[in-house]
Structure formats: C-alpha cells, structure tokens
C-alpha atoms as a PDB file:
ATOM      1  CA  MET A   1     116.818 144.484  29.517  1.00  0.00           C
ATOM      2  CA  SER A   2     117.432 148.017  30.725  1.00  0.00           C
ATOM      3  CA  ARG A   3     114.262 149.620  32.087  1.00  0.00           C
ATOM      4  CA  ASN A   4     115.885 152.930  33.002  1.00  0.00           C
ATOM      5  CA  VAL A   5     117.086 154.074  29.597  1.00  0.00           C
ATOM      6  CA  GLU A   6     116.550 157.770  29.034  1.00  0.00           C
ATOM      7  CA  PRO A   7     114.316 157.989  25.951  1.00  0.00           C
ATOM      8  CA  PRO A   8     115.997 159.860  23.100  1.00  0.00           C
ATOM      9  CA  THR A   9     113.897 162.800  21.980  1.00  0.00           C
ATOM     10  CA  SER A  10     115.765 163.871  18.849  1.00  0.00           C
ATOM     11  CA  VAL A  11     116.509 162.014  15.630  1.00  0.00           C
ATOM     12  CA  ARG A  12     120.039 163.449  15.921  1.00  0.00           C
ATOM     13  CA  SER A  13     120.725 162.098  19.400  1.00  0.00           C
ATOM     14  CA  ALA A  14     123.795 159.964  20.022  1.00  0.00           C
ATOM     15  CA  ARG A  15     121.695 156.981  21.092  1.00  0.00           C
ATOM     16  CA  VAL A  16     119.659 157.045  17.877  1.00  0.00           C
ATOM     17  CA  SER A  17     122.864 157.130  15.842  1.00  0.00           C
ATOM     18  CA  ALA A  18     124.336 154.260  17.857  1.00  0.00           C
ATOM     19  CA  VAL A  19     121.287 152.050  17.322  1.00  0.00           C
ATOM     20  CA  ARG A  20     121.093 152.867  13.621  1.00  0.00           C
ATOM     21  CA  ALA A  21     124.806 152.074  13.264  1.00  0.00           C
ATOM     22  CA  LEU A  22     124.051 148.449  14.186  1.00  0.00           C
ATOM     23  CA  SER A  23     122.747 148.057  10.630  1.00  0.00           C
ATOM     24  CA  LYS A  24     126.446 147.784   9.701  1.00  0.00           C
ATOM     25  CA  LYS A  25     128.302 144.527  10.214  1.00  0.00           C
ATOM     26  CA  SER A  26     131.423 146.284  11.509  1.00  0.00           C
ATOM     27  CA  GLU A  27     129.421 147.917  14.290  1.00  0.00           C
ATOM     28  CA  ARG A  28     127.737 144.645  15.205  1.00  0.00           C
ATOM     29  CA  VAL A  29     131.130 142.985  15.502  1.00  0.00           C
ATOM     30  CA  THR A  30     132.534 145.851  17.585  1.00  0.00           C
ATOM     31  CA  THR A  31     129.598 146.080  20.002  1.00  0.00           C
ATOM     32  CA  GLY A  32     128.473 142.459  20.060  1.00  0.00           C
ATOM     33  CA  GLN A  33     124.917 143.641  19.423  1.00  0.00           C
ATOM     34  CA  PHE A  34     122.333 143.604  16.635  1.00  0.00           C
ATOM     35  CA  ILE A  35     118.873 145.061  16.054  1.00  0.00           C
ATOM     36  CA  ALA A  36     115.525 143.338  15.666  1.00  0.00           C
ATOM     37  CA  GLU A  37     112.744 145.395  14.100  1.00  0.00           C
ATOM     38  CA  GLY A  38     109.019 144.709  14.066  1.00  0.00           C
ATOM     39  CA  ILE A  39     106.570 143.165  16.486  1.00  0.00           C
ATOM     40  CA  GLN A  40     106.980 139.592  15.239  1.00  0.00           C
ATOM     41  CA  SER A  41     110.731 139.421  15.824  1.00  0.00           C
ATOM     42  CA  VAL A  42     110.563 141.351  19.091  1.00  0.00           C
ATOM     43  CA  ARG A  43     107.691 139.240  20.415  1.00  0.00           C
ATOM     44  CA  GLU A  44     109.685 136.036  19.855  1.00  0.00           C
ATOM     45  CA  ALA A  45     112.738 137.546  21.532  1.00  0.00           C
ATOM     46  CA  LEU A  46     110.686 138.593  24.563  1.00  0.00           C
ATOM     47  CA  THR A  47     108.982 135.205  24.730  1.00  0.00           C
ATOM     48  CA  TYR A  48     111.908 132.853  24.150  1.00  0.00           C
ATOM     49  CA  ASP A  49     115.014 134.768  25.199  1.00  0.00           C
ATOM     50  CA  PRO A  50     114.219 138.030  26.999  1.00  0.00           C
ATOM     51  CA  GLY A  51     117.731 138.094  28.434  1.00  0.00           C
ATOM     52  CA  SER A  52     119.097 138.675  24.944  1.00  0.00           C
ATOM     53  CA  ILE A  53     117.444 142.115  24.787  1.00  0.00           C
ATOM     54  CA  VAL A  54     119.617 145.029  25.864  1.00  0.00           C
ATOM     55  CA  GLU A  55     117.208 147.864  25.083  1.00  0.00           C
ATOM     56  CA  LEU A  56     113.663 147.956  23.765  1.00  0.00           C
ATOM     57  CA  TYR A  57     112.045 150.990  22.131  1.00  0.00           C
ATOM     58  CA  ALA A  58     108.484 151.389  20.864  1.00  0.00           C
ATOM     59  CA  THR A  59     105.987 154.064  19.911  1.00  0.00           C
ATOM     60  CA  SER A  60     103.003 154.843  22.121  1.00  0.00           C
ATOM     61  CA  THR A  61     100.666 153.239  19.585  1.00  0.00           C
ATOM     62  CA  MET A  62     102.556 149.954  19.594  1.00  0.00           C
ATOM     63  CA  ILE A  63     102.780 149.877  23.386  1.00  0.00           C
ATOM     64  CA  SER A  64      99.016 150.395  23.684  1.00  0.00           C
ATOM     65  CA  GLN A  65      98.277 147.698  21.109  1.00  0.00           C
ATOM     66  CA  HIS A  66     100.720 145.058  22.385  1.00  0.00           C
ATOM     67  CA  PRO A  67     100.828 144.406  26.155  1.00  0.00           C
ATOM     68  CA  ILE A  68     104.054 142.412  25.728  1.00  0.00           C
ATOM     69  CA  LEU A  69     105.772 145.768  25.050  1.00  0.00           C
ATOM     70  CA  SER A  70     104.781 147.184  28.443  1.00  0.00           C
ATOM     71  CA  GLU A  71     108.430 147.583  29.519  1.00  0.00           C
ATOM     72  CA  ALA A  72     109.569 149.231  26.295  1.00  0.00           C
ATOM     73  CA  VAL A  73     111.003 152.751  26.349  1.00  0.00           C
ATOM     74  CA  GLU A  74     108.423 154.959  24.661  1.00  0.00           C
ATOM     75  CA  ILE A  75     109.779 157.206  21.901  1.00  0.00           C
ATOM     76  CA  ALA A  76     108.271 159.325  19.144  1.00  0.00           C
ATOM     77  CA  ASP A  77     107.520 157.828  15.754  1.00  0.00           C
ATOM     78  CA  ASP A  78     110.151 159.878  13.927  1.00  0.00           C
ATOM     79  CA  VAL A  79     112.836 159.009  16.489  1.00  0.00           C
ATOM     80  CA  LEU A  80     112.107 155.299  16.162  1.00  0.00           C
ATOM     81  CA  ALA A  81     112.118 155.576  12.367  1.00  0.00           C
ATOM     82  CA  ALA A  82     115.573 157.141  12.529  1.00  0.00           C
ATOM     83  CA  MET A  83     116.841 154.081  14.427  1.00  0.00           C
ATOM     84  CA  CYS A  84     115.527 151.562  11.914  1.00  0.00           C
ATOM     85  CA  ASP A  85     117.065 150.067   8.810  1.00  0.00           C
ATOM     86  CA  THR A  86     113.741 149.597   7.010  1.00  0.00           C
ATOM     87  CA  LYS A  87     111.941 152.360   5.124  1.00  0.00           C
ATOM     88  CA  SER A  88     108.613 151.384   6.695  1.00  0.00           C
ATOM     89  CA  PRO A  89     109.243 150.914  10.444  1.00  0.00           C
ATOM     90  CA  GLN A  90     106.734 148.869  12.425  1.00  0.00           C
ATOM     91  CA  GLY A  91     106.951 150.928  15.594  1.00  0.00           C
ATOM     92  CA  VAL A  92     109.233 148.738  17.713  1.00  0.00           C
ATOM     93  CA  ILE A  93     112.947 147.943  17.751  1.00  0.00           C
ATOM     94  CA  ALA A  94     115.122 145.918  20.113  1.00  0.00           C
ATOM     95  CA  VAL A  95     118.865 146.055  20.620  1.00  0.00           C
ATOM     96  CA  CYS A  96     120.010 142.500  21.340  1.00  0.00           C
ATOM     97  CA  HIS A  97     123.164 140.645  22.304  1.00  0.00           C
ATOM     98  CA  LEU A  98     124.805 138.668  19.512  1.00  0.00           C
ATOM     99  CA  PRO A  99     124.806 134.998  20.532  1.00  0.00           C
ATOM    100  CA  ASN A 100     128.165 133.304  20.884  1.00  0.00           C
ATOM    101  CA  ILE A 101     127.565 129.877  19.396  1.00  0.00           C
ATOM    102  CA  ASP A 102     130.346 127.297  19.345  1.00  0.00           C
ATOM    103  CA  ILE A 103     129.332 124.446  17.055  1.00  0.00           C
ATOM    104  CA  ALA A 104     131.348 122.051  19.208  1.00  0.00           C
ATOM    105  CA  SER A 105     128.646 122.464  21.859  1.00  0.00           C
ATOM    106  CA  LEU A 106     125.729 121.942  19.456  1.00  0.00           C
ATOM    107  CA  GLN A 107     123.806 118.684  19.359  1.00  0.00           C
ATOM    108  CA  ALA A 108     121.862 117.554  16.294  1.00  0.00           C
ATOM    109  CA  ALA A 109     119.213 115.706  18.274  1.00  0.00           C
ATOM    110  CA  GLN A 110     116.762 115.537  15.348  1.00  0.00           C
ATOM    111  CA  GLY A 111     119.458 114.835  12.778  1.00  0.00           C
ATOM    112  CA  ARG A 112     118.382 117.767  10.615  1.00  0.00           C
ATOM    113  CA  VAL A 113     120.858 120.565   9.869  1.00  0.00           C
ATOM    114  CA  ALA A 114     121.229 123.226   7.155  1.00  0.00           C
ATOM    115  CA  ILE A 115     124.661 124.425   6.006  1.00  0.00           C
ATOM    116  CA  LEU A 116     124.730 127.555   3.820  1.00  0.00           C
ATOM    117  CA  SER A 117     127.850 128.164   1.727  1.00  0.00           C
ATOM    118  CA  ASN A 118     128.235 131.517  -0.053  1.00  0.00           C
ATOM    119  CA  VAL A 119     124.549 132.337   0.311  1.00  0.00           C
ATOM    120  CA  ARG A 120     124.450 136.101  -0.212  1.00  0.00           C
ATOM    121  CA  ASP A 121     120.815 137.206  -0.449  1.00  0.00           C
ATOM    122  CA  PRO A 122     119.403 138.365   2.933  1.00  0.00           C
ATOM    123  CA  GLY A 123     115.832 137.468   1.985  1.00  0.00           C
ATOM    124  CA  ASN A 124     116.782 133.928   1.033  1.00  0.00           C
ATOM    125  CA  ALA A 125     118.904 133.526   4.146  1.00  0.00           C
ATOM    126  CA  GLY A 126     116.133 134.695   6.475  1.00  0.00           C
ATOM    127  CA  THR A 127     113.522 132.548   4.747  1.00  0.00           C
ATOM    128  CA  ILE A 128     115.774 129.492   5.027  1.00  0.00           C
ATOM    129  CA  ILE A 129     116.182 130.100   8.771  1.00  0.00           C
ATOM    130  CA  ARG A 130     112.410 130.416   9.083  1.00  0.00           C
ATOM    131  CA  SER A 131     111.803 127.228   7.086  1.00  0.00           C
ATOM    132  CA  ALA A 132     114.391 125.307   9.099  1.00  0.00           C
ATOM    133  CA  ASP A 133     112.584 126.426  12.241  1.00  0.00           C
ATOM    134  CA  ALA A 134     109.212 125.383  10.809  1.00  0.00           C
ATOM    135  CA  PHE A 135     110.450 121.860  10.091  1.00  0.00           C
ATOM    136  CA  ASP A 136     112.221 121.403  13.419  1.00  0.00           C
ATOM    137  CA  PHE A 137     115.846 121.559  12.294  1.00  0.00           C
ATOM    138  CA  ASP A 138     118.572 121.477  14.901  1.00  0.00           C
ATOM    139  CA  ALA A 139     120.629 124.379  13.550  1.00  0.00           C
ATOM    140  CA  VAL A 140     121.523 126.544  10.568  1.00  0.00           C
ATOM    141  CA  LEU A 141     125.241 127.075   9.907  1.00  0.00           C
ATOM    142  CA  PHE A 142     126.452 129.997   7.758  1.00  0.00           C
ATOM    143  CA  VAL A 143     129.897 129.303   6.298  1.00  0.00           C
ATOM    144  CA  GLU A 144     132.492 130.983   4.092  1.00  0.00           C
ATOM    145  CA  ASP A 145     131.297 134.221   2.463  1.00  0.00           C
ATOM    146  CA  SER A 146     127.623 133.949   3.327  1.00  0.00           C
ATOM    147  CA  VAL A 147     125.575 136.953   4.380  1.00  0.00           C
ATOM    148  CA  ASP A 148     125.651 137.887   8.066  1.00  0.00           C
ATOM    149  CA  PRO A 149     122.554 136.192   9.574  1.00  0.00           C
ATOM    150  CA  TRP A 150     122.302 139.016  12.124  1.00  0.00           C
ATOM    151  CA  SER A 151     121.903 141.773   9.534  1.00  0.00           C
ATOM    152  CA  PRO A 152     118.560 143.619   9.809  1.00  0.00           C
ATOM    153  CA  LYS A 153     117.190 142.243   6.531  1.00  0.00           C
ATOM    154  CA  VAL A 154     117.943 138.638   7.463  1.00  0.00           C
ATOM    155  CA  VAL A 155     116.446 139.069  10.937  1.00  0.00           C
ATOM    156  CA  ARG A 156     113.274 140.587   9.469  1.00  0.00           C
ATOM    157  CA  SER A 157     112.945 137.817   6.866  1.00  0.00           C
ATOM    158  CA  ALA A 158     113.308 135.118   9.523  1.00  0.00           C
ATOM    159  CA  ALA A 159     110.341 136.603  11.422  1.00  0.00           C
ATOM    160  CA  GLY A 160     111.533 135.630  14.893  1.00  0.00           C
ATOM    161  CA  SER A 161     113.051 132.231  14.126  1.00  0.00           C
ATOM    162  CA  HIS A 162     116.498 133.388  15.273  1.00  0.00           C
ATOM    163  CA  TRP A 163     115.211 132.852  18.822  1.00  0.00           C
ATOM    164  CA  HIS A 164     113.952 129.320  18.138  1.00  0.00           C
ATOM    165  CA  LEU A 165     117.051 127.466  16.920  1.00  0.00           C
ATOM    166  CA  PRO A 166     120.829 127.977  16.909  1.00  0.00           C
ATOM    167  CA  VAL A 167     122.165 130.071  14.032  1.00  0.00           C
ATOM    168  CA  ALA A 168     125.960 129.888  13.754  1.00  0.00           C
ATOM    169  CA  TYR A 169     128.076 132.254  11.657  1.00  0.00           C
ATOM    170  CA  GLY A 170     131.683 132.318  10.496  1.00  0.00           C
ATOM    171  CA  VAL A 171     132.167 128.561  10.542  1.00  0.00           C
ATOM    172  CA  SER A 172     134.534 127.080   7.969  1.00  0.00           C
ATOM    173  CA  LEU A 173     133.013 124.581   5.566  1.00  0.00           C
ATOM    174  CA  SER A 174     135.400 121.829   6.654  1.00  0.00           C
ATOM    175  CA  ASP A 175     134.544 122.421  10.334  1.00  0.00           C
ATOM    176  CA  ALA A 176     130.818 122.414   9.580  1.00  0.00           C
ATOM    177  CA  ILE A 177     131.104 119.124   7.710  1.00  0.00           C
ATOM    178  CA  SER A 178     133.305 117.562  10.399  1.00  0.00           C
ATOM    179  CA  TRP A 179     130.770 118.570  13.036  1.00  0.00           C
ATOM    180  CA  ALA A 180     127.901 117.130  10.981  1.00  0.00           C
ATOM    181  CA  HIS A 181     129.729 113.822  10.686  1.00  0.00           C
ATOM    182  CA  SER A 182     130.400 113.847  14.434  1.00  0.00           C
ATOM    183  CA  GLN A 183     126.632 114.065  14.867  1.00  0.00           C
ATOM    184  CA  LYS A 184     126.186 111.019  12.619  1.00  0.00           C
ATOM    185  CA  CYS A 185     124.654 113.151   9.873  1.00  0.00           C
ATOM    186  CA  GLU A 186     125.280 112.413   6.226  1.00  0.00           C
ATOM    187  CA  VAL A 187     126.266 115.583   4.328  1.00  0.00           C
ATOM    188  CA  ILE A 188     123.944 115.961   1.345  1.00  0.00           C
ATOM    189  CA  ALA A 189     124.656 118.633  -1.279  1.00  0.00           C
ATOM    190  CA  ALA A 190     121.619 120.180  -2.963  1.00  0.00           C
ATOM    191  CA  ASP A 191     122.789 120.852  -6.514  1.00  0.00           C
ATOM    192  CA  LEU A 192     121.501 120.519 -10.076  1.00  0.00           C
ATOM    193  CA  SER A 193     124.409 118.210 -10.857  1.00  0.00           C
ATOM    194  CA  GLY A 194     123.087 115.513  -8.521  1.00  0.00           C
ATOM    195  CA  GLU A 195     120.699 112.591  -8.817  1.00  0.00           C
ATOM    196  CA  ASP A 196     116.951 113.062  -8.400  1.00  0.00           C
ATOM    197  CA  LEU A 197     115.959 113.326  -4.757  1.00  0.00           C
ATOM    198  CA  LEU A 198     113.436 110.527  -4.278  1.00  0.00           C
ATOM    199  CA  SER A 199     113.945 109.848  -0.570  1.00  0.00           C
ATOM    200  CA  THR A 200     115.904 111.458   2.235  1.00  0.00           C
ATOM    201  CA  PRO A 201     118.126 109.936   4.930  1.00  0.00           C
ATOM    202  CA  THR A 202     116.877 110.133   8.487  1.00  0.00           C
ATOM    203  CA  ARG A 203     119.958 112.082   9.625  1.00  0.00           C
ATOM    204  CA  ALA A 204     121.380 114.630   7.205  1.00  0.00           C
ATOM    205  CA  ALA A 205     123.150 117.967   7.003  1.00  0.00           C
ATOM    206  CA  TRP A 206     121.840 119.674   3.859  1.00  0.00           C
ATOM    207  CA  LEU A 207     124.405 121.789   2.039  1.00  0.00           C
ATOM    208  CA  PHE A 208     123.196 124.734  -0.077  1.00  0.00           C
ATOM    209  CA  GLY A 209     125.256 127.070  -2.246  1.00  0.00           C
ATOM    210  CA  ASN A 210     125.152 130.471  -3.858  1.00  0.00           C
ATOM    211  CA  GLU A 211     121.958 131.711  -5.515  1.00  0.00           C
ATOM    212  CA  ALA A 212     123.633 132.258  -8.907  1.00  0.00           C
ATOM    213  CA  TRP A 213     126.350 129.613  -9.275  1.00  0.00           C
ATOM    214  CA  GLY A 214     125.430 126.991  -6.690  1.00  0.00           C
ATOM    215  CA  LEU A 215     128.024 125.041  -4.754  1.00  0.00           C
ATOM    216  CA  SER A 216     131.717 125.272  -5.558  1.00  0.00           C
ATOM    217  CA  PRO A 217     133.569 122.161  -6.798  1.00  0.00           C
ATOM    218  CA  GLU A 218     135.383 122.115  -3.454  1.00  0.00           C
ATOM    219  CA  ALA A 219     132.126 122.098  -1.516  1.00  0.00           C
ATOM    220  CA  LEU A 220     130.650 119.392  -3.731  1.00  0.00           C
ATOM    221  CA  SER A 221     133.744 117.257  -3.239  1.00  0.00           C
ATOM    222  CA  GLN A 222     133.270 117.352   0.538  1.00  0.00           C
ATOM    223  CA  ALA A 223     129.652 116.173   0.438  1.00  0.00           C
ATOM    224  CA  ASP A 224     128.795 112.516   0.891  1.00  0.00           C
ATOM    225  CA  ARG A 225     126.126 112.599  -1.795  1.00  0.00           C
ATOM    226  CA  THR A 226     124.549 115.122  -4.177  1.00  0.00           C
ATOM    227  CA  PHE A 227     120.863 115.375  -5.034  1.00  0.00           C
ATOM    228  CA  ARG A 228     118.600 117.666  -7.024  1.00  0.00           C
ATOM    229  CA  ILE A 229     114.863 118.233  -6.718  1.00  0.00           C
ATOM    230  CA  PRO A 230     113.161 116.583  -9.709  1.00  0.00           C
ATOM    231  CA  MET A 231     110.976 119.051 -11.647  1.00  0.00           C
ATOM    232  CA  ASN A 232     108.322 118.180 -14.221  1.00  0.00           C
ATOM    233  CA  GLY A 233     107.796 121.707 -15.528  1.00  0.00           C
ATOM    234  CA  ARG A 234     109.925 123.914 -17.773  1.00  0.00           C
ATOM    235  CA  ALA A 235     111.566 126.144 -15.149  1.00  0.00           C
ATOM    236  CA  GLU A 236     115.348 125.848 -15.266  1.00  0.00           C
ATOM    237  CA  SER A 237     115.716 125.956 -11.494  1.00  0.00           C
ATOM    238  CA  LEU A 238     114.056 126.909  -8.225  1.00  0.00           C
ATOM    239  CA  ASN A 239     114.687 129.920  -6.027  1.00  0.00           C
ATOM    240  CA  LEU A 240     117.145 128.884  -3.318  1.00  0.00           C
ATOM    241  CA  ALA A 241     114.779 129.471  -0.400  1.00  0.00           C
ATOM    242  CA  THR A 242     111.988 127.588  -2.221  1.00  0.00           C
ATOM    243  CA  ALA A 243     114.271 124.636  -2.897  1.00  0.00           C
ATOM    244  CA  ALA A 244     115.425 124.604   0.718  1.00  0.00           C
ATOM    245  CA  GLY A 245     111.817 124.637   1.936  1.00  0.00           C
ATOM    246  CA  ILE A 246     110.984 121.592  -0.188  1.00  0.00           C
ATOM    247  CA  VAL A 247     114.052 119.725   1.057  1.00  0.00           C
ATOM    248  CA  PHE A 248     113.275 120.635   4.672  1.00  0.00           C
ATOM    249  CA  PHE A 249     109.723 119.331   4.336  1.00  0.00           C
ATOM    250  CA  LEU A 250     110.940 116.054   2.845  1.00  0.00           C
ATOM    251  CA  ALA A 251     113.571 115.758   5.561  1.00  0.00           C
ATOM    252  CA  SER A 252     110.956 116.271   8.257  1.00  0.00           C
ATOM    253  CA  GLN A 253     108.905 113.390   6.801  1.00  0.00           C
ATOM    254  CA  ALA A 254     111.864 110.981   6.705  1.00  0.00           C
ATOM    255  CA  ARG A 255     111.332 110.045  10.345  1.00  0.00           C
END
C-alpha cells in the first residue's frame, strides 16, 4: 500500500477521476484494479490481505474513529464522495489489485463450492459470496454471463467476504464442472424442476442460475443431479440469494 500518495484536493483531479473510473468493468480489466468502499470491506482487506491494497483514502472523521485506517491518505469529504460509486459514501475507499485466480490451483478441502451461471443481480451475487463465506465454502465460481464479482455493488453486498475465500470469474461452465469433479464434488443443480432437497451430499458443487429464468437446459444437462427446496407456503419461488443461503446452511450441516 502506497503511503506517499499526494492527497487529491479537488473533485476534478485526475486521481479522483481515475479511481471513480474503476466503477466500470472495462477500466478494471485495463488496470487490474477494483475499488472497495466502506469500513467493513476495507477492514477485512486490511486484516486478511493488506498487500492487495494499492491506495487507501479516508476522511478525517473516519481516520479518527477507526485506528485501522491510520495509514490512509486523508482527503476531504467531497473529494472522497467523488471517487465513490455509491450515493451515500461511508468515508473510506481502497483501490485494490484484482486477484488472478486459476481454478486449476484451487482445492476444495471442505467439499463445498458454489457455481453461479448467468447470475446478473449484483446484490444477489454479493449476498451469495457472503453466505458462502459464512458457511465455510471453499470457493465461489462465476461463469458465463454472470455479473462481475469485482463491481462496486457486488463488493459492497459481500461486506468483506471477497478477502475470506477465493472468488473466480470468467470460468466456462464446462471447466467449472470438470474442476468440481476433479475435487470429488458432485455437481448439484438448484432448480425448480428437480426433486425435493431432503438431504445433501458431503461433497458438492452447487450450481445456481439466472434470477428470472433459472438454469439453461445445457447447464442442467451437465449437472449430476437436480434438486429444489421444498416449500410449504404459497410463494412460487424464493429469491436466489435466499435459496442459496438455505442450501449453504444445509450443506454445512451435511458433515
């Protein structure tokens, strides 16, 4: 983390524009960097992977309230707000290195993996990462046309969990499934077309699809089995992140 960054003093400065530009996927790809906003995300980055932080900016109020931000570059509230993607900035933002995760090097030690196919909603994606972290999953793999897990909204929704478990992006579905099988994980599709989920295998890669139309026929055909969460009420379906949280809890109890 750079400690000698000259603090930008104007909302129109080049550095402010460069940080704000990281809200765009194209800029993240070009620079190999992303932004983490808010004390919860930044605290986890500083605690679990401080080397991932390139630059750290905070307001005087946040620095005085949170000793962990002692090495942050102090900037004015309006300057920090101009850097952020959110409309209600929390007074701290970090520029971080994008991780380079090769799934071939990943190990599913716990036998619990989440594979997201065509998941588009940033809030759902971030919540799923957070839930996977809470239930001690080995990794979350984003495949096909899923949302970028390093977008500001996903990072905020995950509340720091990006620094607790591997999050891989841009993996093909076939590669993700092949890797899961190499880790002796059964690939289980979560879909309304499946049988009622009454018990879970001890080693499984859970496959989730799009919020609106679920998993594609191709994705379903590549799964080993398909299950749905049995519901006794009258709701047609569950929110994707809610369904994933239930599955993750059940998976964590299987051992």
